[in-house]
Amino acid sequence: MSNLQRRLKKLEALLTDDAGLVPGSRQWLAYWTERADKILNGDYEVKGCRIPLEVVDAIIGPRSSVGRPPLEVVTSTA
């Protein structure tokens, strides 16, 4: 693996979350919308599961009026 490839992998790791998705992307929002729904309904069987604040902001809107407008909620078709 070249030095450039290693550097790109490091950068990609910084730009993605634990699910390997880029925060703020449509795929990220769809993933977290579905996961948050399962967590809030008690369907998610993992102890200590948390919903990141970025997800809450994206779903219900930013906490302050200075922030960006909320992202469009995308539901999965699967």
C-alpha atoms as a PDB file:
ATOM      1  CA  MET A   1       0.000   0.000   0.000  1.00  0.00           C
ATOM      2  CA  SER A   2       1.421   3.341  -0.994  1.00  0.00           C
ATOM      3  CA  ASN A   3       1.858   6.275   1.344  1.00  0.00           C
ATOM      4  CA  LEU A   4      -0.947   8.128  -0.437  1.00  0.00           C
ATOM      5  CA  GLN A   5      -3.340   5.204   0.006  1.00  0.00           C
ATOM      6  CA  ARG A   6      -2.557   5.018   3.731  1.00  0.00           C
ATOM      7  CA  ARG A   7      -3.154   8.734   4.096  1.00  0.00           C
ATOM      8  CA  LEU A   8      -6.461   8.466   2.228  1.00  0.00           C
ATOM      9  CA  LYS A   9      -7.599   5.602   4.462  1.00  0.00           C
ATOM     10  CA  LYS A  10      -6.797   7.697   7.544  1.00  0.00           C
ATOM     11  CA  LEU A  11      -8.731  10.633   6.123  1.00  0.00           C
ATOM     12  CA  GLU A  12     -11.712   8.451   5.201  1.00  0.00           C
ATOM     13  CA  ALA A  13     -11.761   7.086   8.753  1.00  0.00           C
ATOM     14  CA  LEU A  14     -11.974  10.629  10.085  1.00  0.00           C
ATOM     15  CA  LEU A  15     -14.808  11.528   7.730  1.00  0.00           C
ATOM     16  CA  THR A  16     -17.018   8.500   8.411  1.00  0.00           C
ATOM     17  CA  ASP A  17     -18.880   7.274  11.468  1.00  0.00           C
ATOM     18  CA  ASP A  18     -18.760   3.790  12.997  1.00  0.00           C
ATOM     19  CA  ALA A  19     -21.159   2.502  10.341  1.00  0.00           C
ATOM     20  CA  GLY A  20     -18.766   3.660   7.605  1.00  0.00           C
ATOM     21  CA  LEU A  21     -21.118   6.386   6.408  1.00  0.00           C
ATOM     22  CA  VAL A  22     -20.378  10.069   5.879  1.00  0.00           C
ATOM     23  CA  PRO A  23     -22.294  12.170   8.434  1.00  0.00           C
ATOM     24  CA  GLY A  24     -24.926  14.327   6.763  1.00  0.00           C
ATOM     25  CA  SER A  25     -25.224  12.142   3.652  1.00  0.00           C
ATOM     26  CA  ARG A  26     -28.556  10.683   2.551  1.00  0.00           C
ATOM     27  CA  GLN A  27     -27.342   7.147   3.344  1.00  0.00           C
ATOM     28  CA  TRP A  28     -26.216   8.234   6.828  1.00  0.00           C
ATOM     29  CA  LEU A  29     -29.551   9.892   7.536  1.00  0.00           C
ATOM     30  CA  ALA A  30     -31.521   6.880   6.278  1.00  0.00           C
ATOM     31  CA  TYR A  31     -29.405   4.515   8.392  1.00  0.00           C
ATOM     32  CA  TRP A  32     -29.719   6.600  11.544  1.00  0.00           C
ATOM     33  CA  THR A  33     -33.413   7.367  11.054  1.00  0.00           C
ATOM     34  CA  GLU A  34     -34.157   3.652  10.895  1.00  0.00           C
ATOM     35  CA  ARG A  35     -31.812   2.853  13.803  1.00  0.00           C
ATOM     36  CA  ALA A  36     -33.185   5.677  15.984  1.00  0.00           C
ATOM     37  CA  ASP A  37     -36.719   4.441  15.319  1.00  0.00           C
ATOM     38  CA  LYS A  38     -35.725   0.945  16.479  1.00  0.00           C
ATOM     39  CA  ILE A  39     -33.937   2.302  19.564  1.00  0.00           C
ATOM     40  CA  LEU A  40     -36.878   4.508  20.559  1.00  0.00           C
ATOM     41  CA  ASN A  41     -39.369   1.663  20.008  1.00  0.00           C
ATOM     42  CA  GLY A  42     -37.309  -0.731  22.108  1.00  0.00           C
ATOM     43  CA  ASP A  43     -36.595  -3.020  19.151  1.00  0.00           C
ATOM     44  CA  TYR A  44     -32.834  -2.550  19.307  1.00  0.00           C
ATOM     45  CA  GLU A  45     -31.321  -5.175  21.619  1.00  0.00           C
ATOM     46  CA  VAL A  46     -27.947  -3.534  22.272  1.00  0.00           C
ATOM     47  CA  LYS A  47     -27.183  -2.139  25.718  1.00  0.00           C
ATOM     48  CA  GLY A  48     -25.774   1.354  25.765  1.00  0.00           C
ATOM     49  CA  CYS A  49     -26.867   2.230  22.248  1.00  0.00           C
ATOM     50  CA  ARG A  50     -26.920   5.968  21.734  1.00  0.00           C
ATOM     51  CA  ILE A  51     -28.331   8.304  19.146  1.00  0.00           C
ATOM     52  CA  PRO A  52     -25.742  10.967  18.222  1.00  0.00           C
ATOM     53  CA  LEU A  53     -26.821  14.601  18.634  1.00  0.00           C
ATOM     54  CA  GLU A  54     -26.070  15.163  14.948  1.00  0.00           C
ATOM     55  CA  VAL A  55     -28.817  12.651  14.157  1.00  0.00           C
ATOM     56  CA  VAL A  56     -31.310  14.364  16.445  1.00  0.00           C
ATOM     57  CA  ASP A  57     -30.463  17.714  14.852  1.00  0.00           C
ATOM     58  CA  ALA A  58     -30.880  16.264  11.369  1.00  0.00           C
ATOM     59  CA  ILE A  59     -34.257  14.700  12.192  1.00  0.00           C
ATOM     60  CA  ILE A  60     -35.925  17.431  14.281  1.00  0.00           C
ATOM     61  CA  GLY A  61     -33.844  20.437  13.302  1.00  0.00           C
ATOM     62  CA  PRO A  62     -30.934  22.322  14.822  1.00  0.00           C
ATOM     63  CA  ARG A  63     -31.031  23.414  18.467  1.00  0.00           C
ATOM     64  CA  SER A  64     -30.302  27.048  17.652  1.00  0.00           C
ATOM     65  CA  SER A  65     -31.681  29.441  15.072  1.00  0.00           C
ATOM     66  CA  VAL A  66     -28.123  30.138  13.886  1.00  0.00           C
ATOM     67  CA  GLY A  67     -27.662  26.564  12.566  1.00  0.00           C
ATOM     68  CA  ARG A  68     -28.411  25.142   9.182  1.00  0.00           C
ATOM     69  CA  PRO A  69     -31.917  24.026   8.179  1.00  0.00           C
ATOM     70  CA  PRO A  70     -32.797  20.388   9.010  1.00  0.00           C
ATOM     71  CA  LEU A  71     -31.945  17.681   6.501  1.00  0.00           C
ATOM     72  CA  GLU A  72     -34.677  15.961   4.551  1.00  0.00           C
ATOM     73  CA  VAL A  73     -35.672  12.742   6.307  1.00  0.00           C
ATOM     74  CA  VAL A  74     -35.140   9.744   4.053  1.00  0.00           C
ATOM     75  CA  THR A  75     -36.865   6.465   4.778  1.00  0.00           C
ATOM     76  CA  SER A  76     -35.420   3.219   3.548  1.00  0.00           C
ATOM     77  CA  THR A  77     -37.290   1.199   0.962  1.00  0.00           C
ATOM     78  CA  ALA A  78     -35.830  -2.118   2.088  1.00  0.00           C
END
